[in-house]
């Protein structure tokens, strides 16, 4: 839920500020800036809660620690990539692929009741998916609208 609040909260604040600052295409700017803020927020979790994030990866997948770090770095780079018009479209495509690629980890996490912040099995379980799966598709739609669709309409 925290990433959702970060995304929506920062979007509202940035829309208001950019509207009054007379920034051209202020909603597109706000959509990409708020996604970048959310990505930086979630990237912090890859380093702060590394043990719990490793639990989210099924046992058959090797190099868990490196994979957690790599995905955290990817989120940081994606946040930067969305910030520039020259790299936004390509970054958005990679980000949509990334959001789809991590869906199985979210399902695995819920089935194992993983709480990544505590690094144990005290998580909400399958109920987690009632929010997480729609949120994942919401993120995909957000990136498509603000970074791909808007790119083709400029």
N, C-alpha and C. Protein backbone atom coordinates (compact mmCIF):
# COMPACT_ATOMS: atom_id res chain seq x y z
N UNK A 1 0.81 -1.20 0.00
CA UNK A 1 0.00 0.00 0.00
C UNK A 1 0.86 1.27 0.00
N UNK A 2 2.01 1.21 0.64
CA UNK A 2 2.85 2.41 0.73
C UNK A 2 3.23 2.97 -0.64
N UNK A 3 3.65 2.10 -1.60
CA UNK A 3 3.98 2.65 -2.92
C UNK A 3 2.79 3.34 -3.59
N UNK A 4 1.59 2.82 -3.36
CA UNK A 4 0.39 3.45 -3.91
C UNK A 4 0.22 4.86 -3.36
N UNK A 5 0.37 5.00 -2.05
CA UNK A 5 0.23 6.32 -1.42
C UNK A 5 1.32 7.28 -1.89
N UNK A 6 2.53 6.76 -2.05
CA UNK A 6 3.63 7.60 -2.54
C UNK A 6 3.33 8.08 -3.96
N UNK A 7 2.87 7.17 -4.81
CA UNK A 7 2.58 7.51 -6.20
C UNK A 7 1.47 8.56 -6.29
N UNK A 8 0.34 8.30 -5.65
CA UNK A 8 -0.81 9.19 -5.75
C UNK A 8 -0.54 10.52 -5.02
N UNK A 9 0.02 10.43 -3.83
CA UNK A 9 0.31 11.65 -3.07
C UNK A 9 1.27 12.57 -3.79
N UNK A 10 2.35 12.01 -4.32
CA UNK A 10 3.32 12.85 -5.03
C UNK A 10 2.71 13.39 -6.33
N UNK A 11 1.86 12.61 -6.98
CA UNK A 11 1.21 13.09 -8.20
C UNK A 11 0.35 14.33 -7.92
N UNK A 12 -0.46 14.26 -6.88
CA UNK A 12 -1.33 15.39 -6.54
C UNK A 12 -0.49 16.63 -6.23
N UNK A 13 0.53 16.46 -5.41
CA UNK A 13 1.38 17.60 -5.03
C UNK A 13 2.08 18.18 -6.26
N UNK A 14 2.62 17.32 -7.11
CA UNK A 14 3.36 17.80 -8.28
C UNK A 14 2.42 18.46 -9.29
N UNK A 15 1.21 17.92 -9.47
CA UNK A 15 0.25 18.55 -10.38
C UNK A 15 -0.05 19.97 -9.91
N UNK A 16 -0.30 20.12 -8.62
CA UNK A 16 -0.61 21.45 -8.08
C UNK A 16 0.56 22.41 -8.24
N UNK A 17 1.75 21.95 -7.90
CA UNK A 17 2.93 22.82 -8.00
C UNK A 17 3.23 23.15 -9.46
N UNK A 18 3.22 22.14 -10.33
CA UNK A 18 3.59 22.38 -11.73
C UNK A 18 2.54 23.20 -12.47
N UNK A 19 1.29 23.09 -12.05
CA UNK A 19 0.24 23.89 -12.68
C UNK A 19 0.47 25.38 -12.41
N UNK A 20 0.81 25.68 -11.18
CA UNK A 20 1.03 27.07 -10.82
C UNK A 20 2.41 27.58 -11.21
N UNK A 21 3.32 26.66 -11.46
CA UNK A 21 4.66 27.04 -11.92
C UNK A 21 4.68 27.19 -13.44
N UNK A 22 3.51 26.98 -14.05
CA UNK A 22 3.35 27.12 -15.50
C UNK A 22 4.28 26.19 -16.27
N UNK A 23 4.38 24.95 -15.80
CA UNK A 23 5.19 23.95 -16.50
C UNK A 23 4.34 23.37 -17.62
N UNK A 24 4.88 23.40 -18.84
CA UNK A 24 4.16 22.87 -19.99
C UNK A 24 3.92 21.38 -19.79
N UNK A 25 2.75 20.92 -20.20
CA UNK A 25 2.38 19.50 -20.05
C UNK A 25 2.49 19.07 -18.59
N UNK A 26 1.95 19.86 -17.68
CA UNK A 26 2.16 19.62 -16.25
C UNK A 26 1.64 18.27 -15.77
N UNK A 27 0.58 17.74 -16.37
CA UNK A 27 0.09 16.43 -15.92
C UNK A 27 1.02 15.30 -16.37
N UNK A 28 1.56 15.41 -17.57
CA UNK A 28 2.53 14.41 -18.05
C UNK A 28 3.78 14.47 -17.19
N UNK A 29 4.24 15.69 -16.92
CA UNK A 29 5.39 15.88 -16.04
C UNK A 29 5.12 15.25 -14.67
N UNK A 30 3.95 15.53 -14.11
CA UNK A 30 3.60 15.01 -12.79
C UNK A 30 3.50 13.49 -12.79
N UNK A 31 2.93 12.92 -13.84
CA UNK A 31 2.81 11.46 -13.92
C UNK A 31 4.15 10.77 -13.94
N UNK A 32 5.08 11.30 -14.71
CA UNK A 32 6.42 10.71 -14.78
C UNK A 32 7.24 10.99 -13.53
N UNK A 33 7.13 12.19 -13.00
CA UNK A 33 7.87 12.53 -11.78
C UNK A 33 7.39 11.70 -10.60
N UNK A 34 6.09 11.52 -10.48
CA UNK A 34 5.58 10.74 -9.34
C UNK A 34 5.92 9.26 -9.48
N UNK A 35 5.93 8.73 -10.71
CA UNK A 35 6.37 7.34 -10.89
C UNK A 35 7.85 7.22 -10.53
N UNK A 36 8.64 8.22 -10.88
CA UNK A 36 10.06 8.20 -10.52
C UNK A 36 10.24 8.22 -9.01
N UNK A 37 9.45 9.03 -8.33
CA UNK A 37 9.52 9.09 -6.86
C UNK A 37 9.14 7.75 -6.26
N UNK A 38 8.08 7.14 -6.78
CA UNK A 38 7.66 5.84 -6.27
C UNK A 38 8.74 4.78 -6.51
N UNK A 39 9.36 4.81 -7.69
CA UNK A 39 10.42 3.85 -7.98
C UNK A 39 11.62 4.02 -7.05
N UNK A 40 11.98 5.25 -6.75
CA UNK A 40 13.07 5.48 -5.80
C UNK A 40 12.69 4.98 -4.41
N UNK A 41 11.44 5.17 -4.04
CA UNK A 41 10.94 4.68 -2.75
C UNK A 41 11.01 3.15 -2.69
N UNK A 42 10.54 2.48 -3.74
CA UNK A 42 10.56 1.01 -3.73
C UNK A 42 11.98 0.48 -3.86
N UNK A 43 12.84 1.20 -4.57
CA UNK A 43 14.24 0.76 -4.70
C UNK A 43 14.92 0.72 -3.34
N UNK A 44 14.58 1.67 -2.48
CA UNK A 44 15.17 1.68 -1.12
C UNK A 44 14.88 0.37 -0.40
N UNK A 45 13.69 -0.18 -0.63
CA UNK A 45 13.32 -1.43 0.01
C UNK A 45 14.21 -2.59 -0.39
N UNK A 46 14.74 -2.55 -1.61
CA UNK A 46 15.62 -3.62 -2.08
C UNK A 46 16.92 -3.66 -1.28
N UNK A 47 17.30 -2.56 -0.70
CA UNK A 47 18.54 -2.49 0.07
C UNK A 47 18.28 -2.50 1.57
N UNK A 48 17.20 -1.89 2.00
CA UNK A 48 16.87 -1.86 3.42
C UNK A 48 16.32 -3.20 3.91
N UNK A 49 15.55 -3.88 3.07
CA UNK A 49 14.91 -5.14 3.45
C UNK A 49 15.42 -6.28 2.56
N UNK A 50 16.72 -6.32 2.36
CA UNK A 50 17.32 -7.29 1.43
C UNK A 50 16.97 -8.74 1.77
N UNK A 51 17.04 -9.10 3.05
CA UNK A 51 16.74 -10.48 3.45
C UNK A 51 15.30 -10.85 3.09
N UNK A 52 14.37 -9.98 3.41
CA UNK A 52 12.97 -10.23 3.09
C UNK A 52 12.72 -10.28 1.59
N UNK A 53 13.39 -9.42 0.85
CA UNK A 53 13.23 -9.42 -0.60
C UNK A 53 13.78 -10.72 -1.20
N UNK A 54 14.84 -11.25 -0.62
CA UNK A 54 15.38 -12.52 -1.09
C UNK A 54 14.38 -13.65 -0.90
N UNK A 55 13.60 -13.59 0.18
CA UNK A 55 12.58 -14.61 0.43
C UNK A 55 11.48 -14.59 -0.63
N UNK A 56 11.31 -13.48 -1.31
CA UNK A 56 10.28 -13.35 -2.34
C UNK A 56 10.63 -14.11 -3.62
N UNK A 57 11.87 -14.55 -3.73
CA UNK A 57 12.34 -15.25 -4.92
C UNK A 57 12.30 -16.75 -4.65
N UNK A 58 11.65 -17.52 -5.54
CA UNK A 58 11.56 -18.98 -5.34
C UNK A 58 12.94 -19.63 -5.20
N UNK A 59 13.02 -20.72 -4.42
CA UNK A 59 14.30 -21.38 -4.14
C UNK A 59 15.08 -21.82 -5.38
N UNK A 60 14.39 -22.17 -6.44
CA UNK A 60 15.08 -22.69 -7.64
C UNK A 60 15.84 -21.60 -8.42
N UNK A 61 15.60 -20.34 -8.08
CA UNK A 61 16.29 -19.25 -8.77
C UNK A 61 17.55 -18.89 -8.00
N UNK A 62 18.72 -18.99 -8.65
CA UNK A 62 19.99 -18.70 -7.96
C UNK A 62 20.28 -17.19 -7.86
N UNK A 63 21.31 -16.87 -7.13
CA UNK A 63 21.83 -15.51 -7.00
C UNK A 63 20.78 -14.52 -6.50
N UNK A 64 20.07 -14.92 -5.46
CA UNK A 64 18.99 -14.08 -4.93
C UNK A 64 19.47 -12.70 -4.49
N UNK A 65 20.54 -12.66 -3.72
CA UNK A 65 21.04 -11.38 -3.22
C UNK A 65 21.40 -10.44 -4.38
N UNK A 66 22.07 -10.98 -5.38
CA UNK A 66 22.45 -10.17 -6.53
C UNK A 66 21.22 -9.73 -7.33
N UNK A 67 20.24 -10.61 -7.43
CA UNK A 67 19.01 -10.28 -8.16
C UNK A 67 18.23 -9.17 -7.46
N UNK A 68 18.17 -9.23 -6.14
CA UNK A 68 17.50 -8.17 -5.37
C UNK A 68 18.22 -6.84 -5.59
N UNK A 69 19.53 -6.85 -5.51
CA UNK A 69 20.30 -5.61 -5.74
C UNK A 69 20.13 -5.11 -7.17
N UNK A 70 20.19 -6.02 -8.12
CA UNK A 70 20.05 -5.64 -9.53
C UNK A 70 18.68 -5.01 -9.81
N UNK A 71 17.62 -5.58 -9.26
CA UNK A 71 16.29 -5.01 -9.49
C UNK A 71 16.15 -3.66 -8.78
N UNK A 72 16.80 -3.51 -7.64
CA UNK A 72 16.80 -2.20 -6.98
C UNK A 72 17.51 -1.15 -7.81
N UNK A 73 18.65 -1.52 -8.37
CA UNK A 73 19.39 -0.60 -9.25
C UNK A 73 18.57 -0.30 -10.50
N UNK A 74 17.89 -1.32 -11.03
CA UNK A 74 17.04 -1.09 -12.20
C UNK A 74 15.96 -0.05 -11.90
N UNK A 75 15.34 -0.15 -10.73
CA UNK A 75 14.30 0.81 -10.36
C UNK A 75 14.87 2.23 -10.27
N UNK A 76 16.08 2.36 -9.75
CA UNK A 76 16.72 3.68 -9.69
C UNK A 76 16.99 4.21 -11.10
N UNK A 77 17.53 3.36 -11.96
CA UNK A 77 17.80 3.78 -13.34
C UNK A 77 16.51 4.10 -14.09
N UNK A 78 15.45 3.34 -13.83
CA UNK A 78 14.16 3.63 -14.47
C UNK A 78 13.62 4.98 -14.01
N UNK A 79 13.79 5.28 -12.72
CA UNK A 79 13.36 6.59 -12.21
C UNK A 79 14.09 7.71 -12.94
N UNK A 80 15.37 7.52 -13.17
CA UNK A 80 16.16 8.52 -13.90
C UNK A 80 15.71 8.57 -15.37
N UNK A 81 15.52 7.40 -15.97
CA UNK A 81 15.13 7.34 -17.38
C UNK A 81 13.80 8.00 -17.68
N UNK A 82 12.85 7.90 -16.75
CA UNK A 82 11.55 8.55 -16.94
C UNK A 82 11.64 10.07 -16.84
N UNK A 83 12.71 10.54 -16.27
CA UNK A 83 12.86 11.98 -16.03
C UNK A 83 13.28 12.77 -17.26
N UNK A 84 13.70 12.08 -18.30
CA UNK A 84 14.19 12.76 -19.50
C UNK A 84 13.38 12.31 -20.72
N UNK A 85 12.92 13.27 -21.50
CA UNK A 85 12.12 12.94 -22.69
C UNK A 85 12.85 12.01 -23.64
N UNK A 86 14.17 12.17 -23.76
CA UNK A 86 14.95 11.38 -24.71
C UNK A 86 14.96 9.89 -24.35
N UNK A 87 14.83 9.57 -23.07
CA UNK A 87 14.91 8.17 -22.63
C UNK A 87 13.58 7.63 -22.11
N UNK A 88 12.59 8.46 -22.04
CA UNK A 88 11.31 8.09 -21.41
C UNK A 88 10.62 6.92 -22.09
N UNK A 89 10.51 6.95 -23.41
CA UNK A 89 9.77 5.91 -24.13
C UNK A 89 10.42 4.54 -23.92
N UNK A 90 11.73 4.44 -24.15
CA UNK A 90 12.44 3.17 -23.98
C UNK A 90 12.38 2.70 -22.53
N UNK A 91 12.54 3.62 -21.61
CA UNK A 91 12.45 3.28 -20.19
C UNK A 91 11.07 2.74 -19.85
N UNK A 92 10.04 3.37 -20.39
CA UNK A 92 8.67 2.93 -20.13
C UNK A 92 8.43 1.51 -20.63
N UNK A 93 8.94 1.19 -21.80
CA UNK A 93 8.79 -0.17 -22.32
C UNK A 93 9.48 -1.18 -21.41
N UNK A 94 10.69 -0.86 -20.98
CA UNK A 94 11.42 -1.75 -20.07
C UNK A 94 10.69 -1.88 -18.73
N UNK A 95 10.13 -0.79 -18.27
CA UNK A 95 9.43 -0.79 -16.98
C UNK A 95 8.17 -1.64 -17.04
N UNK A 96 7.43 -1.57 -18.14
CA UNK A 96 6.25 -2.42 -18.29
C UNK A 96 6.65 -3.89 -18.30
N UNK A 97 7.70 -4.21 -19.03
CA UNK A 97 8.21 -5.59 -19.03
C UNK A 97 8.61 -6.00 -17.61
N UNK A 98 9.27 -5.12 -16.88
CA UNK A 98 9.69 -5.39 -15.51
C UNK A 98 8.48 -5.66 -14.61
N UNK A 99 7.45 -4.81 -14.71
CA UNK A 99 6.26 -5.00 -13.88
C UNK A 99 5.59 -6.35 -14.17
N UNK A 100 5.60 -6.78 -15.42
CA UNK A 100 5.06 -8.09 -15.76
C UNK A 100 5.96 -9.21 -15.25
N UNK A 101 7.26 -9.01 -15.34
CA UNK A 101 8.23 -10.04 -14.93
C UNK A 101 8.19 -10.31 -13.43
N UNK A 102 7.86 -9.31 -12.62
CA UNK A 102 7.85 -9.52 -11.17
C UNK A 102 6.50 -10.02 -10.65
N UNK A 103 5.51 -10.13 -11.52
CA UNK A 103 4.21 -10.66 -11.08
C UNK A 103 4.32 -12.04 -10.41
N UNK A 104 5.07 -12.99 -11.00
CA UNK A 104 5.18 -14.29 -10.33
C UNK A 104 5.78 -14.20 -8.92
N UNK A 105 6.70 -13.27 -8.71
CA UNK A 105 7.27 -13.10 -7.37
C UNK A 105 6.21 -12.62 -6.39
N UNK A 106 5.29 -11.78 -6.86
CA UNK A 106 4.21 -11.32 -5.99
C UNK A 106 3.26 -12.46 -5.63
N UNK A 107 2.98 -13.34 -6.59
CA UNK A 107 2.13 -14.50 -6.31
C UNK A 107 2.84 -15.44 -5.33
N UNK A 108 4.11 -15.70 -5.57
CA UNK A 108 4.90 -16.55 -4.68
C UNK A 108 4.92 -15.98 -3.26
N UNK A 109 5.11 -14.67 -3.17
CA UNK A 109 5.15 -13.99 -1.87
C UNK A 109 3.86 -14.20 -1.10
N UNK A 110 2.74 -14.07 -1.78
CA UNK A 110 1.46 -14.22 -1.10
C UNK A 110 1.22 -15.67 -0.69
N UNK A 111 1.57 -16.61 -1.53
CA UNK A 111 1.37 -18.03 -1.20
C UNK A 111 2.22 -18.45 0.00
N UNK A 112 3.38 -17.85 0.15
CA UNK A 112 4.29 -18.19 1.26
C UNK A 112 4.11 -17.26 2.46
N UNK A 113 3.17 -16.32 2.36
CA UNK A 113 2.89 -15.36 3.43
C UNK A 113 4.15 -14.58 3.86
N UNK A 114 4.93 -14.20 2.88
CA UNK A 114 6.19 -13.51 3.16
C UNK A 114 5.93 -12.04 3.51
N UNK A 115 6.53 -11.63 4.60
CA UNK A 115 6.54 -10.23 5.00
C UNK A 115 7.97 -9.76 4.74
N UNK A 116 8.17 -9.05 3.64
CA UNK A 116 9.54 -8.69 3.26
C UNK A 116 10.18 -7.69 4.22
N UNK A 117 9.37 -6.88 4.91
CA UNK A 117 9.94 -5.91 5.85
C UNK A 117 10.49 -6.61 7.09
N UNK A 118 9.81 -7.66 7.53
CA UNK A 118 10.28 -8.41 8.70
C UNK A 118 11.21 -9.56 8.32
N UNK A 119 11.14 -9.99 7.06
CA UNK A 119 11.97 -11.10 6.62
C UNK A 119 11.50 -12.43 7.16
N UNK A 120 10.16 -12.57 7.31
CA UNK A 120 9.60 -13.82 7.83
C UNK A 120 8.30 -14.16 7.10
N UNK A 121 7.58 -15.15 7.65
CA UNK A 121 6.34 -15.61 7.03
C UNK A 121 5.10 -15.11 7.77
N UNK A 122 5.11 -13.86 8.17
CA UNK A 122 3.96 -13.28 8.88
C UNK A 122 3.14 -12.36 7.98
N UNK A 123 3.32 -12.47 6.67
CA UNK A 123 2.62 -11.60 5.72
C UNK A 123 1.15 -11.92 5.60
N UNK A 124 0.41 -11.10 4.86
CA UNK A 124 -1.04 -11.25 4.75
C UNK A 124 -1.50 -12.45 3.92
N UNK A 125 -0.62 -13.09 3.21
CA UNK A 125 -1.01 -14.25 2.42
C UNK A 125 -1.78 -13.89 1.17
N UNK A 126 -2.66 -14.80 0.74
CA UNK A 126 -3.40 -14.58 -0.52
C UNK A 126 -4.21 -13.28 -0.56
N UNK A 127 -4.60 -12.76 0.59
CA UNK A 127 -5.33 -11.48 0.60
C UNK A 127 -4.49 -10.36 0.00
N UNK A 128 -3.19 -10.50 0.08
CA UNK A 128 -2.25 -9.52 -0.49
C UNK A 128 -2.50 -9.34 -1.99
N UNK A 129 -2.87 -10.43 -2.65
CA UNK A 129 -3.06 -10.38 -4.10
C UNK A 129 -4.27 -9.55 -4.51
N UNK A 130 -5.26 -9.42 -3.64
CA UNK A 130 -6.44 -8.63 -3.97
C UNK A 130 -6.08 -7.17 -4.20
N UNK A 131 -5.01 -6.73 -3.57
CA UNK A 131 -4.53 -5.37 -3.82
C UNK A 131 -3.38 -5.39 -4.83
N UNK A 132 -2.44 -6.29 -4.64
CA UNK A 132 -1.19 -6.25 -5.40
C UNK A 132 -1.38 -6.46 -6.90
N UNK A 133 -2.18 -7.44 -7.29
CA UNK A 133 -2.34 -7.70 -8.72
C UNK A 133 -3.01 -6.53 -9.44
N UNK A 134 -4.14 -6.00 -8.94
CA UNK A 134 -4.69 -4.81 -9.61
C UNK A 134 -3.71 -3.64 -9.59
N UNK A 135 -2.97 -3.48 -8.49
CA UNK A 135 -2.00 -2.39 -8.41
C UNK A 135 -0.92 -2.55 -9.47
N UNK A 136 -0.48 -3.78 -9.68
CA UNK A 136 0.56 -4.02 -10.69
C UNK A 136 0.07 -3.60 -12.08
N UNK A 137 -1.18 -3.94 -12.39
CA UNK A 137 -1.73 -3.55 -13.69
C UNK A 137 -2.02 -2.04 -13.75
N UNK A 138 -2.33 -1.46 -12.61
CA UNK A 138 -2.49 -0.01 -12.52
C UNK A 138 -1.16 0.68 -12.84
N UNK A 139 -0.06 0.13 -12.31
CA UNK A 139 1.27 0.69 -12.60
C UNK A 139 1.59 0.61 -14.09
N UNK A 140 1.25 -0.52 -14.69
CA UNK A 140 1.48 -0.69 -16.13
C UNK A 140 0.68 0.35 -16.91
N UNK A 141 -0.60 0.51 -16.55
CA UNK A 141 -1.45 1.49 -17.23
C UNK A 141 -0.92 2.91 -17.03
N UNK A 142 -0.44 3.19 -15.82
CA UNK A 142 0.11 4.52 -15.50
C UNK A 142 1.31 4.83 -16.41
N UNK A 143 2.23 3.88 -16.47
CA UNK A 143 3.43 4.08 -17.30
C UNK A 143 3.04 4.21 -18.77
N UNK A 144 2.12 3.37 -19.21
CA UNK A 144 1.69 3.47 -20.60
C UNK A 144 1.09 4.86 -20.87
N UNK A 145 0.19 5.31 -20.02
CA UNK A 145 -0.49 6.58 -20.26
C UNK A 145 0.46 7.78 -20.21
N UNK A 146 1.25 7.86 -19.16
CA UNK A 146 2.09 9.05 -18.97
C UNK A 146 3.41 9.02 -19.74
N UNK A 147 3.86 7.83 -20.14
CA UNK A 147 5.18 7.75 -20.76
C UNK A 147 5.18 7.26 -22.21
N UNK A 148 4.19 6.45 -22.58
CA UNK A 148 4.14 5.93 -23.95
C UNK A 148 3.05 6.64 -24.75
N UNK A 149 1.83 6.61 -24.24
CA UNK A 149 0.71 7.26 -24.93
C UNK A 149 0.97 8.75 -25.10
N UNK A 150 1.43 9.39 -24.05
CA UNK A 150 1.70 10.83 -24.12
C UNK A 150 2.83 11.13 -25.10
N UNK A 151 3.77 10.21 -25.23
CA UNK A 151 4.90 10.37 -26.15
C UNK A 151 4.40 10.40 -27.59
N UNK A 152 3.42 9.54 -27.89
CA UNK A 152 2.92 9.45 -29.26
C UNK A 152 1.95 10.58 -29.60
N UNK A 153 1.45 11.29 -28.58
CA UNK A 153 0.51 12.38 -28.85
C UNK A 153 1.16 13.76 -28.82
N UNK A 154 2.46 13.81 -28.52
CA UNK A 154 3.15 15.12 -28.49
C UNK A 154 3.41 15.64 -29.88
